[in-house]
Protein backbone atom coordinates (compact mmCIF):
# COMPACT_ATOMS: atom_id res chain seq x y z
CA MET A 1 -16.03 6.50 -28.98
CA GLY A 2 -16.95 3.82 -26.57
CA ALA A 3 -19.82 1.43 -25.87
CA ARG A 4 -22.95 4.05 -25.46
CA ALA A 5 -23.38 7.85 -26.07
CA LEU A 6 -25.81 10.00 -24.88
CA TYR A 7 -26.43 13.23 -26.80
CA ILE A 8 -27.09 16.37 -24.95
CA GLY A 9 -30.03 18.12 -26.39
CA ASN A 10 -29.57 19.42 -29.86
CA THR A 11 -25.89 19.95 -29.29
CA LEU A 12 -22.79 18.08 -30.54
CA TYR A 13 -21.80 17.43 -26.95
CA ARG A 14 -22.24 13.68 -25.52
CA VAL A 15 -21.73 11.58 -22.38
CA HIS A 16 -19.88 8.69 -23.94
CA GLY A 17 -17.82 5.66 -23.15
CA THR A 18 -14.19 5.38 -24.37
CA ASN A 19 -12.03 2.54 -25.74
CA GLN A 20 -9.08 4.53 -23.99
CA PRO A 21 -10.07 4.27 -20.26
CA TRP A 22 -6.79 5.78 -19.14
CA THR A 23 -7.95 9.14 -20.63
CA VAL A 24 -11.02 9.54 -18.45
CA GLY A 25 -10.40 12.64 -16.19
CA GLN A 26 -8.16 14.32 -18.65
CA ALA A 27 -8.88 17.13 -20.99
CA ASN A 28 -8.56 15.16 -24.07
CA SER A 29 -12.06 15.87 -25.67
CA SER A 30 -13.71 18.88 -27.35
CA GLY A 31 -16.20 19.21 -24.44
CA CYS A 32 -17.82 15.91 -24.28
CA ILE A 33 -17.70 14.11 -20.91
CA ARG A 34 -15.91 10.66 -21.04
CA MET A 35 -16.77 7.60 -18.98
CA THR A 36 -15.48 4.12 -18.70
CA ASN A 37 -17.53 1.83 -21.02
CA GLU A 38 -18.92 0.04 -17.64
CA ASP A 39 -20.06 3.33 -16.25
CA VAL A 40 -21.76 4.88 -19.30
CA ILE A 41 -23.61 1.39 -20.01
CA ASP A 42 -24.96 1.60 -16.41
CA LEU A 43 -25.86 5.24 -16.79
CA TYR A 44 -27.47 4.83 -20.36
CA ASP A 45 -29.75 1.84 -18.94
CA ARG A 46 -30.82 4.09 -16.04
CA VAL A 47 -31.60 7.42 -17.69
CA LYS A 48 -34.76 8.41 -19.60
CA ILE A 49 -34.91 10.45 -22.85
CA GLY A 50 -35.22 14.14 -21.87
CA ALA A 51 -33.84 13.70 -18.49
CA GLN A 52 -32.05 16.98 -17.00
CA ILE A 53 -28.24 16.92 -17.18
CA ILE A 54 -26.41 19.03 -14.32
CA VAL A 55 -22.65 19.24 -14.85
CA ARG A 56 -20.65 20.39 -12.06
CA HIS A 57 -16.89 21.10 -12.12
């Protein structure tokens, strides 16, 4: 896993960074949302605990 992880409620799903940035955008996880470490650090610093997450595909 990468630099930060944001847990989605009481689930095992997370929005997290990766130490393998070339895999971002590929179906290589078990349902988590992977971001570059730079992007997930920025997101982590902006969101508050309890913020609503909307995932669109």
